[in-house]
Amino acid sequence: MTLECINPDDLPVPEMYSQVVVATGSKLVFVSGQQPEDRHGKLVGHGDFAAQARLAFGNLSRALAAAGARPEQVCKITIYVVDYNRDEHVPIIEQAQIALFGDHKPANVVAGIATMSPGYLIEVDAIAVIDHTTESDTRTR
């Protein structure tokens, strides 16, 4: 699987994502929105955006692993934030994103939304691309 991350010269160079990601592989993985819930479906971190962001990205990591995908195989994420405030939320999202992806910068969208279920502040979904030649290696790690 190959991901080519591109930041064209005539667009701003973002710190936490790539403007364009070209994915070449043979297996697509679509991960549903991951919320800040424990394994029993209970909200964790009521009122604490940072705790919810860490858990949502942690749940995304577990979902990717279940599909045999690694974080560096993610080509795109979408982050939904209730009452989005860029200055307040972006630094917290960046910390959670770095914890999962390290230096890898998938394309991303941050969408401010009015509401989710009561108490929920963030949700993250993803698309990954896996090459069959690396798929068996991924599942053994």
N, C-alpha and C. Protein backbone atom coordinates (compact mmCIF):
# COMPACT_ATOMS: atom_id res chain seq x y z
N MET A 1 0.85 -1.17 0.00
CA MET A 1 0.00 0.00 0.00
C MET A 1 0.89 1.23 0.00
N THR A 2 0.52 2.16 -0.82
CA THR A 2 1.27 3.40 -0.91
C THR A 2 0.33 4.58 -0.70
N LEU A 3 0.72 5.48 0.17
CA LEU A 3 0.02 6.75 0.32
C LEU A 3 1.00 7.84 -0.06
N GLU A 4 0.60 8.66 -1.00
CA GLU A 4 1.41 9.81 -1.38
C GLU A 4 0.72 11.05 -0.82
N CYS A 5 1.38 11.71 0.11
CA CYS A 5 0.83 12.92 0.71
C CYS A 5 1.37 14.13 -0.04
N ILE A 6 0.45 14.97 -0.52
CA ILE A 6 0.82 16.11 -1.36
C ILE A 6 0.31 17.40 -0.74
N ASN A 7 1.19 18.39 -0.69
CA ASN A 7 0.82 19.74 -0.31
C ASN A 7 1.25 20.66 -1.45
N PRO A 8 0.33 20.98 -2.37
CA PRO A 8 0.69 21.81 -3.52
C PRO A 8 1.27 23.16 -3.10
N ASP A 9 2.21 23.65 -3.90
CA ASP A 9 2.88 24.91 -3.60
C ASP A 9 1.93 26.09 -3.51
N ASP A 10 0.80 26.02 -4.21
CA ASP A 10 -0.13 27.15 -4.22
C ASP A 10 -1.26 27.02 -3.21
N LEU A 11 -1.11 26.11 -2.24
CA LEU A 11 -2.05 25.97 -1.12
C LEU A 11 -1.27 26.07 0.19
N PRO A 12 -1.93 26.48 1.27
CA PRO A 12 -1.24 26.52 2.57
C PRO A 12 -0.76 25.13 2.98
N VAL A 13 0.37 25.07 3.67
CA VAL A 13 0.89 23.79 4.17
C VAL A 13 0.37 23.61 5.59
N PRO A 14 -0.60 22.69 5.78
CA PRO A 14 -1.16 22.48 7.11
C PRO A 14 -0.21 21.70 8.01
N GLU A 15 -0.34 21.92 9.31
CA GLU A 15 0.52 21.24 10.26
C GLU A 15 0.08 19.80 10.53
N MET A 16 -1.24 19.55 10.57
CA MET A 16 -1.73 18.26 11.05
C MET A 16 -2.34 17.35 9.98
N TYR A 17 -2.35 17.79 8.74
CA TYR A 17 -2.92 16.95 7.69
C TYR A 17 -2.28 17.30 6.37
N SER A 18 -2.56 16.50 5.36
CA SER A 18 -2.09 16.76 4.00
C SER A 18 -3.26 17.29 3.18
N GLN A 19 -2.99 18.20 2.25
CA GLN A 19 -4.05 18.73 1.40
C GLN A 19 -4.62 17.64 0.50
N VAL A 20 -3.76 16.75 0.02
CA VAL A 20 -4.16 15.68 -0.90
C VAL A 20 -3.46 14.39 -0.49
N VAL A 21 -4.18 13.28 -0.52
CA VAL A 21 -3.57 11.98 -0.30
C VAL A 21 -3.99 11.07 -1.46
N VAL A 22 -3.00 10.51 -2.15
CA VAL A 22 -3.26 9.57 -3.23
C VAL A 22 -2.96 8.19 -2.67
N ALA A 23 -3.97 7.32 -2.67
CA ALA A 23 -3.84 5.99 -2.09
C ALA A 23 -3.83 4.94 -3.20
N THR A 24 -2.86 4.04 -3.11
CA THR A 24 -2.78 2.92 -4.04
C THR A 24 -2.75 1.65 -3.20
N GLY A 25 -3.71 0.80 -3.38
CA GLY A 25 -3.79 -0.44 -2.62
C GLY A 25 -4.94 -1.27 -3.14
N SER A 26 -5.22 -2.35 -2.44
CA SER A 26 -6.23 -3.26 -2.96
C SER A 26 -7.38 -3.55 -2.01
N LYS A 27 -7.33 -3.02 -0.81
CA LYS A 27 -8.40 -3.26 0.15
C LYS A 27 -8.74 -1.94 0.84
N LEU A 28 -10.01 -1.55 0.76
CA LEU A 28 -10.46 -0.34 1.43
C LEU A 28 -11.08 -0.69 2.77
N VAL A 29 -10.79 0.11 3.78
CA VAL A 29 -11.36 -0.08 5.11
C VAL A 29 -12.09 1.22 5.46
N PHE A 30 -13.39 1.11 5.72
CA PHE A 30 -14.20 2.26 6.12
C PHE A 30 -14.59 2.07 7.58
N VAL A 31 -14.13 2.97 8.43
CA VAL A 31 -14.41 2.85 9.86
C VAL A 31 -15.53 3.84 10.21
N SER A 32 -16.58 3.32 10.81
CA SER A 32 -17.69 4.16 11.26
C SER A 32 -17.22 5.16 12.30
N GLY A 33 -18.03 6.18 12.50
CA GLY A 33 -17.70 7.20 13.48
C GLY A 33 -17.47 6.59 14.85
N GLN A 34 -16.32 6.90 15.43
CA GLN A 34 -15.97 6.40 16.76
C GLN A 34 -16.21 7.51 17.77
N GLN A 35 -16.98 7.19 18.77
CA GLN A 35 -17.34 8.15 19.80
C GLN A 35 -16.61 7.85 21.10
N PRO A 36 -16.67 8.74 22.05
CA PRO A 36 -15.99 8.55 23.33
C PRO A 36 -16.78 7.62 24.25
N GLU A 37 -16.89 6.36 23.84
CA GLU A 37 -17.63 5.37 24.61
C GLU A 37 -16.71 4.23 25.03
N ASP A 38 -16.99 3.66 26.21
CA ASP A 38 -16.27 2.47 26.63
C ASP A 38 -16.83 1.26 25.88
N ARG A 39 -16.29 0.10 26.12
CA ARG A 39 -16.71 -1.10 25.39
C ARG A 39 -18.17 -1.49 25.63
N HIS A 40 -18.79 -0.89 26.65
CA HIS A 40 -20.19 -1.17 26.96
C HIS A 40 -21.13 -0.13 26.38
N GLY A 41 -20.57 0.82 25.60
CA GLY A 41 -21.38 1.85 24.97
C GLY A 41 -21.74 3.01 25.88
N LYS A 42 -21.01 3.14 26.97
CA LYS A 42 -21.26 4.24 27.92
C LYS A 42 -20.33 5.41 27.64
N LEU A 43 -20.87 6.62 27.63
CA LEU A 43 -20.09 7.83 27.44
C LEU A 43 -19.02 7.96 28.52
N VAL A 44 -17.81 8.32 28.11
CA VAL A 44 -16.71 8.56 29.03
C VAL A 44 -16.28 10.02 28.87
N GLY A 45 -16.00 10.70 29.96
CA GLY A 45 -15.50 12.06 29.91
C GLY A 45 -16.58 13.10 29.72
N HIS A 46 -17.72 12.92 30.36
CA HIS A 46 -18.82 13.88 30.21
C HIS A 46 -18.32 15.30 30.50
N GLY A 47 -18.47 16.20 29.51
CA GLY A 47 -18.05 17.58 29.68
C GLY A 47 -16.56 17.84 29.50
N ASP A 48 -15.76 16.81 29.26
CA ASP A 48 -14.30 16.94 29.14
C ASP A 48 -13.90 16.63 27.70
N PHE A 49 -13.74 17.69 26.87
CA PHE A 49 -13.46 17.50 25.46
C PHE A 49 -12.16 16.73 25.24
N ALA A 50 -11.11 17.03 26.01
CA ALA A 50 -9.82 16.36 25.84
C ALA A 50 -9.95 14.86 26.10
N ALA A 51 -10.63 14.48 27.17
CA ALA A 51 -10.82 13.06 27.48
C ALA A 51 -11.62 12.38 26.39
N GLN A 52 -12.64 13.05 25.89
CA GLN A 52 -13.45 12.46 24.83
C GLN A 52 -12.65 12.32 23.53
N ALA A 53 -11.82 13.31 23.21
CA ALA A 53 -11.01 13.23 22.00
C ALA A 53 -10.03 12.07 22.09
N ARG A 54 -9.36 11.91 23.23
CA ARG A 54 -8.41 10.81 23.40
C ARG A 54 -9.11 9.47 23.21
N LEU A 55 -10.29 9.31 23.79
CA LEU A 55 -10.99 8.03 23.70
C LEU A 55 -11.52 7.79 22.28
N ALA A 56 -12.04 8.82 21.63
CA ALA A 56 -12.54 8.65 20.26
C ALA A 56 -11.41 8.20 19.34
N PHE A 57 -10.24 8.83 19.44
CA PHE A 57 -9.11 8.41 18.62
C PHE A 57 -8.59 7.04 19.06
N GLY A 58 -8.64 6.74 20.34
CA GLY A 58 -8.27 5.40 20.82
C GLY A 58 -9.20 4.34 20.26
N ASN A 59 -10.50 4.64 20.24
CA ASN A 59 -11.46 3.70 19.66
C ASN A 59 -11.23 3.54 18.16
N LEU A 60 -10.85 4.63 17.49
CA LEU A 60 -10.52 4.54 16.07
C LEU A 60 -9.34 3.59 15.87
N SER A 61 -8.34 3.69 16.71
CA SER A 61 -7.19 2.80 16.63
C SER A 61 -7.61 1.34 16.78
N ARG A 62 -8.47 1.05 17.74
CA ARG A 62 -8.94 -0.33 17.95
C ARG A 62 -9.75 -0.83 16.77
N ALA A 63 -10.57 0.04 16.19
CA ALA A 63 -11.37 -0.35 15.03
C ALA A 63 -10.48 -0.66 13.83
N LEU A 64 -9.46 0.18 13.61
CA LEU A 64 -8.52 -0.08 12.52
C LEU A 64 -7.81 -1.41 12.71
N ALA A 65 -7.35 -1.66 13.91
CA ALA A 65 -6.64 -2.91 14.20
C ALA A 65 -7.53 -4.12 13.94
N ALA A 66 -8.80 -4.00 14.28
CA ALA A 66 -9.73 -5.12 14.06
C ALA A 66 -9.87 -5.45 12.58
N ALA A 67 -9.65 -4.45 11.71
CA ALA A 67 -9.72 -4.66 10.27
C ALA A 67 -8.36 -5.01 9.67
N GLY A 68 -7.34 -5.08 10.51
CA GLY A 68 -6.00 -5.38 10.02
C GLY A 68 -5.30 -4.17 9.43
N ALA A 69 -5.74 -2.98 9.80
CA ALA A 69 -5.15 -1.75 9.27
C ALA A 69 -4.31 -1.06 10.34
N ARG A 70 -3.27 -0.40 9.90
CA ARG A 70 -2.42 0.39 10.78
C ARG A 70 -2.74 1.87 10.59
N PRO A 71 -2.48 2.70 11.59
CA PRO A 71 -2.78 4.13 11.46
C PRO A 71 -2.14 4.77 10.23
N GLU A 72 -0.93 4.35 9.87
CA GLU A 72 -0.26 4.96 8.72
C GLU A 72 -0.89 4.57 7.38
N GLN A 73 -1.88 3.67 7.41
CA GLN A 73 -2.61 3.30 6.20
C GLN A 73 -3.90 4.10 6.05
N VAL A 74 -4.17 4.98 6.99
CA VAL A 74 -5.36 5.83 6.92
C VAL A 74 -5.10 6.96 5.94
N CYS A 75 -6.01 7.11 4.97
CA CYS A 75 -5.84 8.18 3.99
C CYS A 75 -6.73 9.38 4.30
N LYS A 76 -7.82 9.19 5.05
CA LYS A 76 -8.72 10.31 5.34
C LYS A 76 -9.47 10.09 6.65
N ILE A 77 -9.60 11.15 7.42
CA ILE A 77 -10.44 11.13 8.62
C ILE A 77 -11.40 12.31 8.56
N THR A 78 -12.53 12.13 9.23
CA THR A 78 -13.48 13.22 9.42
C THR A 78 -13.73 13.33 10.91
N ILE A 79 -13.64 14.55 11.43
CA ILE A 79 -13.79 14.81 12.85
C ILE A 79 -15.00 15.73 13.02
N TYR A 80 -15.98 15.27 13.77
CA TYR A 80 -17.18 16.07 14.05
C TYR A 80 -17.09 16.59 15.47
N VAL A 81 -17.27 17.90 15.64
CA VAL A 81 -17.13 18.53 16.95
C VAL A 81 -18.36 19.38 17.24
N VAL A 82 -18.97 19.14 18.40
CA VAL A 82 -20.12 19.93 18.82
C VAL A 82 -19.65 21.32 19.23
N ASP A 83 -20.35 22.35 18.74
CA ASP A 83 -20.03 23.75 19.04
C ASP A 83 -18.56 24.05 18.80
N TYR A 84 -18.08 23.70 17.63
CA TYR A 84 -16.67 23.83 17.25
C TYR A 84 -16.15 25.24 17.41
N ASN A 85 -15.02 25.34 18.12
CA ASN A 85 -14.28 26.59 18.30
C ASN A 85 -12.83 26.27 17.95
N ARG A 86 -12.39 26.72 16.79
CA ARG A 86 -11.06 26.36 16.27
C ARG A 86 -9.95 26.56 17.30
N ASP A 87 -9.90 27.73 17.92
CA ASP A 87 -8.81 28.02 18.87
C ASP A 87 -8.83 27.10 20.08
N GLU A 88 -10.00 26.73 20.52
CA GLU A 88 -10.13 25.86 21.70
C GLU A 88 -9.93 24.39 21.35
N HIS A 89 -10.51 23.95 20.26
CA HIS A 89 -10.55 22.52 19.96
C HIS A 89 -9.36 21.98 19.17
N VAL A 90 -8.80 22.76 18.25
CA VAL A 90 -7.73 22.24 17.40
C VAL A 90 -6.51 21.75 18.20
N PRO A 91 -6.01 22.48 19.19
CA PRO A 91 -4.85 21.96 19.93
C PRO A 91 -5.14 20.60 20.61
N ILE A 92 -6.34 20.43 21.09
CA ILE A 92 -6.72 19.17 21.75
C ILE A 92 -6.83 18.05 20.72
N ILE A 93 -7.44 18.36 19.58
CA ILE A 93 -7.55 17.37 18.50
C ILE A 93 -6.16 16.98 18.02
N GLU A 94 -5.27 17.95 17.88
CA GLU A 94 -3.90 17.67 17.43
C GLU A 94 -3.20 16.70 18.36
N GLN A 95 -3.35 16.88 19.67
CA GLN A 95 -2.71 15.96 20.62
C GLN A 95 -3.24 14.54 20.45
N ALA A 96 -4.55 14.39 20.32
CA ALA A 96 -5.13 13.06 20.15
C ALA A 96 -4.73 12.45 18.82
N GLN A 97 -4.67 13.29 17.79
CA GLN A 97 -4.30 12.81 16.46
C GLN A 97 -2.84 12.35 16.43
N ILE A 98 -1.95 13.12 17.04
CA ILE A 98 -0.53 12.75 17.09
C ILE A 98 -0.35 11.46 17.88
N ALA A 99 -1.11 11.28 18.96
CA ALA A 99 -1.01 10.05 19.75
C ALA A 99 -1.31 8.83 18.89
N LEU A 100 -2.22 8.95 17.94
CA LEU A 100 -2.56 7.81 17.08
C LEU A 100 -1.66 7.74 15.85
N PHE A 101 -1.48 8.87 15.16
CA PHE A 101 -0.84 8.85 13.85
C PHE A 101 0.64 9.21 13.86
N GLY A 102 1.16 9.77 14.95
CA GLY A 102 2.55 10.21 14.95
C GLY A 102 2.76 11.25 13.88
N ASP A 103 3.74 11.03 13.01
CA ASP A 103 4.06 11.97 11.94
C ASP A 103 3.17 11.82 10.71
N HIS A 104 2.38 10.75 10.64
CA HIS A 104 1.51 10.53 9.48
C HIS A 104 0.38 11.56 9.49
N LYS A 105 0.11 12.14 8.33
CA LYS A 105 -0.88 13.21 8.25
C LYS A 105 -1.91 12.88 7.17
N PRO A 106 -2.95 12.11 7.52
CA PRO A 106 -3.99 11.83 6.52
C PRO A 106 -4.77 13.10 6.18
N ALA A 107 -5.41 13.09 5.03
CA ALA A 107 -6.33 14.18 4.72
C ALA A 107 -7.40 14.20 5.80
N ASN A 108 -7.90 15.38 6.13
CA ASN A 108 -8.94 15.41 7.15
C ASN A 108 -9.92 16.55 6.96
N VAL A 109 -11.04 16.38 7.59
CA VAL A 109 -12.08 17.40 7.65
C VAL A 109 -12.48 17.53 9.11
N VAL A 110 -12.56 18.77 9.60
CA VAL A 110 -13.13 19.02 10.92
C VAL A 110 -14.44 19.75 10.67
N ALA A 111 -15.54 19.14 11.10
CA ALA A 111 -16.86 19.72 10.87
C ALA A 111 -17.49 20.09 12.20
N GLY A 112 -17.83 21.35 12.34
CA GLY A 112 -18.57 21.80 13.51
C GLY A 112 -20.03 21.45 13.34
N ILE A 113 -20.60 20.86 14.36
CA ILE A 113 -22.01 20.48 14.32
C ILE A 113 -22.73 21.04 15.55
N ALA A 114 -24.02 21.14 15.46
CA ALA A 114 -24.81 21.73 16.56
C ALA A 114 -24.94 20.78 17.74
N THR A 115 -25.15 19.50 17.46
CA THR A 115 -25.41 18.58 18.57
C THR A 115 -25.16 17.13 18.17
N MET A 116 -24.94 16.29 19.17
CA MET A 116 -24.91 14.84 19.06
C MET A 116 -25.81 14.36 20.19
N SER A 117 -25.70 13.11 20.53
CA SER A 117 -26.42 12.62 21.70
C SER A 117 -25.97 13.44 22.91
N PRO A 118 -26.83 13.62 23.91
CA PRO A 118 -26.48 14.45 25.06
C PRO A 118 -25.13 14.06 25.68
N GLY A 119 -24.26 15.06 25.83
CA GLY A 119 -22.96 14.86 26.47
C GLY A 119 -21.83 14.52 25.51
N TYR A 120 -22.16 14.07 24.31
CA TYR A 120 -21.15 13.70 23.34
C TYR A 120 -20.62 14.95 22.65
N LEU A 121 -19.28 15.09 22.55
CA LEU A 121 -18.67 16.29 22.02
C LEU A 121 -17.86 16.07 20.74
N ILE A 122 -17.49 14.81 20.44
CA ILE A 122 -16.62 14.52 19.29
C ILE A 122 -16.90 13.12 18.74
N GLU A 123 -16.68 12.98 17.44
CA GLU A 123 -16.78 11.68 16.76
C GLU A 123 -15.78 11.71 15.62
N VAL A 124 -15.12 10.58 15.37
CA VAL A 124 -14.09 10.50 14.33
C VAL A 124 -14.31 9.25 13.49
N ASP A 125 -14.33 9.42 12.14
CA ASP A 125 -14.37 8.25 11.26
C ASP A 125 -13.14 8.25 10.37
N ALA A 126 -12.92 7.15 9.63
CA ALA A 126 -11.70 7.04 8.84
C ALA A 126 -11.88 6.15 7.62
N ILE A 127 -11.01 6.37 6.66
CA ILE A 127 -10.87 5.49 5.50
C ILE A 127 -9.40 5.11 5.42
N ALA A 128 -9.13 3.81 5.30
CA ALA A 128 -7.75 3.32 5.16
C ALA A 128 -7.67 2.46 3.89
N VAL A 129 -6.46 2.33 3.38
CA VAL A 129 -6.21 1.50 2.21
C VAL A 129 -5.09 0.53 2.55
N ILE A 130 -5.35 -0.75 2.32
CA ILE A 130 -4.39 -1.81 2.63
C ILE A 130 -4.03 -2.51 1.32
N ASP A 131 -2.76 -2.79 1.12
CA ASP A 131 -2.30 -3.58 -0.02
C ASP A 131 -2.30 -5.04 0.42
N HIS A 132 -2.79 -5.93 -0.41
CA HIS A 132 -2.82 -7.35 -0.06
C HIS A 132 -1.44 -7.90 0.28
N THR A 133 -0.38 -7.33 -0.27
CA THR A 133 0.96 -7.84 0.03
C THR A 133 1.38 -7.56 1.46
N THR A 134 0.77 -6.55 2.08
CA THR A 134 1.11 -6.24 3.47
C THR A 134 0.03 -6.64 4.44
N GLU A 135 -1.12 -7.06 3.91
CA GLU A 135 -2.27 -7.37 4.77
C GLU A 135 -1.96 -8.45 5.79
N SER A 136 -1.31 -9.55 5.37
CA SER A 136 -1.02 -10.63 6.31
C SER A 136 -0.01 -10.18 7.35
N ASP A 137 0.94 -9.31 6.94
CA ASP A 137 1.91 -8.79 7.90
C ASP A 137 1.21 -7.94 8.95
N THR A 138 0.22 -7.16 8.55
CA THR A 138 -0.49 -6.26 9.45
C THR A 138 -1.21 -7.05 10.54
N ARG A 139 -1.84 -8.14 10.20
CA ARG A 139 -2.64 -8.90 11.16
C ARG A 139 -1.78 -9.63 12.20
N THR A 140 -0.50 -9.80 11.95
CA THR A 140 0.36 -10.51 12.89
C THR A 140 1.05 -9.58 13.86
N ARG A 141 0.87 -8.30 13.69
CA ARG A 141 1.56 -7.35 14.59
C ARG A 141 0.79 -7.12 15.84
